[in-house]
Structure formats: C-alpha cells, structure tokens
C-alpha cells in the first residue's frame, strides 16, 4: 500500500523539517538583525504563540520571564499545589 504523501508526491515530514531549518530567520527583537536560532513563547499566558530570537536576546527574554506575574497569592498557591502532583487528579486514600 502506498502512502498518501508518496501517491501525491508530497514532501515527507522529515524533509519538511530540514527545509525549515535551511531558512535563515532574523531575530525578532527590535533593532536586531542577527540570525535567530531559538524559538521562545511570547509570554506565560500565550504559550502557543512563538517568537524567534538570537542567543543574546533569548537570554534577555528568559531573564524577564515571570510565570506568576499578575497572579494573586491564592492563584500562585493553587498553581504550586497543582504542580506538586504533576498536575494529576488526586484523592484521599483509606477510610
């Protein structure tokens, strides 16, 4: 049986990744024209959207990263408690 990709002469997924790597991206930091090698999330509340930075600006972006910024103390405590069990549901054992 021939795969859909081969039947329609589409690029295979592993070739697509190599093609993406071949494209040079510019750093998205304002005023920087260096090549961007690193992808980073835009912010703690926007993890699905990414920007591309050079190594220097990625370090600066990560230094400013504060996941808990804008959360109340109760929200931070709930997040920490949820992470202590690897974000899995828990229940009491025994009677």
C-alpha atoms as a PDB file:
ATOM      1  CA  UNK A   1       0.000   0.000   0.000  1.00  0.00           C
ATOM      2  CA  UNK A   2       1.385   3.417  -0.974  1.00  0.00           C
ATOM      3  CA  UNK A   3       1.127   6.267   1.483  1.00  0.00           C
ATOM      4  CA  UNK A   4      -0.916   9.355   0.630  1.00  0.00           C
ATOM      5  CA  UNK A   5       2.219  11.507   0.653  1.00  0.00           C
ATOM      6  CA  UNK A   6       4.055   9.331  -1.879  1.00  0.00           C
ATOM      7  CA  UNK A   7       0.978   8.812  -4.036  1.00  0.00           C
ATOM      8  CA  UNK A   8       0.565  12.557  -4.482  1.00  0.00           C
ATOM      9  CA  UNK A   9       4.339  13.241  -4.483  1.00  0.00           C
ATOM     10  CA  UNK A  10       4.110  15.385  -1.359  1.00  0.00           C
ATOM     11  CA  UNK A  11       7.178  16.117   0.758  1.00  0.00           C
ATOM     12  CA  UNK A  12       7.697  13.722   3.611  1.00  0.00           C
ATOM     13  CA  UNK A  13       7.557  15.214   7.148  1.00  0.00           C
ATOM     14  CA  UNK A  14      11.272  14.655   7.836  1.00  0.00           C
ATOM     15  CA  UNK A  15      12.179  16.548   4.660  1.00  0.00           C
ATOM     16  CA  UNK A  16       9.940  19.452   5.657  1.00  0.00           C
ATOM     17  CA  UNK A  17      11.815  19.858   8.936  1.00  0.00           C
ATOM     18  CA  UNK A  18      15.126  20.009   7.057  1.00  0.00           C
ATOM     19  CA  UNK A  19      13.731  22.640   4.698  1.00  0.00           C
ATOM     20  CA  UNK A  20      12.544  24.739   7.641  1.00  0.00           C
ATOM     21  CA  UNK A  21      15.994  24.542   9.210  1.00  0.00           C
ATOM     22  CA  UNK A  22      17.615  25.718   5.978  1.00  0.00           C
ATOM     23  CA  UNK A  23      15.692  29.012   6.042  1.00  0.00           C
ATOM     24  CA  UNK A  24      17.524  31.692   7.955  1.00  0.00           C
ATOM     25  CA  UNK A  25      15.315  33.672  10.321  1.00  0.00           C
ATOM     26  CA  UNK A  26      16.037  37.142  11.570  1.00  0.00           C
ATOM     27  CA  UNK A  27      15.870  37.870  15.290  1.00  0.00           C
ATOM     28  CA  UNK A  28      12.505  39.447  16.144  1.00  0.00           C
ATOM     29  CA  UNK A  29      13.982  41.710  18.829  1.00  0.00           C
ATOM     30  CA  UNK A  30      13.501  45.364  17.773  1.00  0.00           C
ATOM     31  CA  UNK A  31      16.635  46.669  16.087  1.00  0.00           C
ATOM     32  CA  UNK A  32      18.426  43.293  15.908  1.00  0.00           C
ATOM     33  CA  UNK A  33      19.385  41.813  12.551  1.00  0.00           C
ATOM     34  CA  UNK A  34      21.241  38.712  13.794  1.00  0.00           C
ATOM     35  CA  UNK A  35      20.167  35.217  12.812  1.00  0.00           C
ATOM     36  CA  UNK A  36      17.548  33.738  15.143  1.00  0.00           C
ATOM     37  CA  UNK A  37      18.341  30.184  16.223  1.00  0.00           C
ATOM     38  CA  UNK A  38      15.958  29.897  19.173  1.00  0.00           C
ATOM     39  CA  UNK A  39      12.167  29.792  19.447  1.00  0.00           C
ATOM     40  CA  UNK A  40      10.523  31.136  22.591  1.00  0.00           C
ATOM     41  CA  UNK A  41       6.947  31.505  23.804  1.00  0.00           C
ATOM     42  CA  UNK A  42       5.640  35.068  23.645  1.00  0.00           C
ATOM     43  CA  UNK A  43       4.648  35.025  27.292  1.00  0.00           C
ATOM     44  CA  UNK A  44       3.438  32.866  30.169  1.00  0.00           C
ATOM     45  CA  UNK A  45      -0.218  33.310  29.168  1.00  0.00           C
ATOM     46  CA  UNK A  46       0.462  32.805  25.455  1.00  0.00           C
ATOM     47  CA  UNK A  47       2.418  29.543  25.249  1.00  0.00           C
ATOM     48  CA  UNK A  48       1.044  28.612  21.818  1.00  0.00           C
ATOM     49  CA  UNK A  49       2.446  31.658  20.057  1.00  0.00           C
ATOM     50  CA  UNK A  50       6.189  31.888  19.462  1.00  0.00           C
ATOM     51  CA  UNK A  51       8.878  34.381  18.530  1.00  0.00           C
ATOM     52  CA  UNK A  52      12.397  33.774  17.241  1.00  0.00           C
ATOM     53  CA  UNK A  53      15.448  35.279  18.947  1.00  0.00           C
ATOM     54  CA  UNK A  54      19.214  35.167  18.669  1.00  0.00           C
ATOM     55  CA  UNK A  55      21.063  33.705  21.652  1.00  0.00           C
ATOM     56  CA  UNK A  56      21.741  37.073  23.298  1.00  0.00           C
ATOM     57  CA  UNK A  57      18.121  38.219  23.134  1.00  0.00           C
ATOM     58  CA  UNK A  58      16.782  34.827  24.160  1.00  0.00           C
ATOM     59  CA  UNK A  59      18.806  35.142  27.378  1.00  0.00           C
ATOM     60  CA  UNK A  60      17.336  38.583  27.973  1.00  0.00           C
ATOM     61  CA  UNK A  61      13.800  37.323  27.231  1.00  0.00           C
ATOM     62  CA  UNK A  62      14.228  34.402  29.660  1.00  0.00           C
ATOM     63  CA  UNK A  63      15.640  36.691  32.378  1.00  0.00           C
ATOM     64  CA  UNK A  64      12.448  38.782  32.283  1.00  0.00           C
ATOM     65  CA  UNK A  65      10.193  35.700  32.316  1.00  0.00           C
ATOM     66  CA  UNK A  66       7.936  35.564  35.371  1.00  0.00           C
ATOM     67  CA  UNK A  67       5.212  32.927  35.115  1.00  0.00           C
ATOM     68  CA  UNK A  68       3.456  34.140  38.265  1.00  0.00           C
ATOM     69  CA  UNK A  69       3.306  37.823  37.295  1.00  0.00           C
ATOM     70  CA  UNK A  70      -0.240  39.154  37.566  1.00  0.00           C
ATOM     71  CA  UNK A  71      -1.467  36.264  39.758  1.00  0.00           C
ATOM     72  CA  UNK A  72      -2.835  36.691  43.235  1.00  0.00           C
ATOM     73  CA  UNK A  73      -1.255  34.848  46.177  1.00  0.00           C
ATOM     74  CA  UNK A  74      -4.121  32.347  46.146  1.00  0.00           C
ATOM     75  CA  UNK A  75      -3.617  31.634  42.433  1.00  0.00           C
ATOM     76  CA  UNK A  76       0.126  31.123  42.925  1.00  0.00           C
ATOM     77  CA  UNK A  77      -0.507  28.759  45.855  1.00  0.00           C
ATOM     78  CA  UNK A  78      -3.066  26.780  43.809  1.00  0.00           C
ATOM     79  CA  UNK A  79      -0.615  26.508  40.914  1.00  0.00           C
ATOM     80  CA  UNK A  80       2.204  25.304  43.185  1.00  0.00           C
ATOM     81  CA  UNK A  81      -0.052  22.730  44.872  1.00  0.00           C
ATOM     82  CA  UNK A  82      -1.255  21.506  41.475  1.00  0.00           C
ATOM     83  CA  UNK A  83       2.346  21.125  40.260  1.00  0.00           C
ATOM     84  CA  UNK A  84       3.440  19.085  43.304  1.00  0.00           C
ATOM     85  CA  UNK A  85       1.346  16.180  41.968  1.00  0.00           C
ATOM     86  CA  UNK A  86       2.435  16.712  38.341  1.00  0.00           C
ATOM     87  CA  UNK A  87      -0.946  18.274  37.502  1.00  0.00           C
ATOM     88  CA  UNK A  88      -2.791  14.995  38.037  1.00  0.00           C
ATOM     89  CA  UNK A  89      -6.040  14.468  39.957  1.00  0.00           C
ATOM     90  CA  UNK A  90      -5.607  13.131  43.488  1.00  0.00           C
ATOM     91  CA  UNK A  91      -7.888  11.787  46.224  1.00  0.00           C
ATOM     92  CA  UNK A  92      -7.564  10.628  49.811  1.00  0.00           C
ATOM     93  CA  UNK A  93      -6.694   7.005  50.461  1.00  0.00           C
ATOM     94  CA  UNK A  94      -8.235   4.854  53.153  1.00  0.00           C
ATOM     95  CA  UNK A  95     -11.432   5.354  55.054  1.00  0.00           C
END
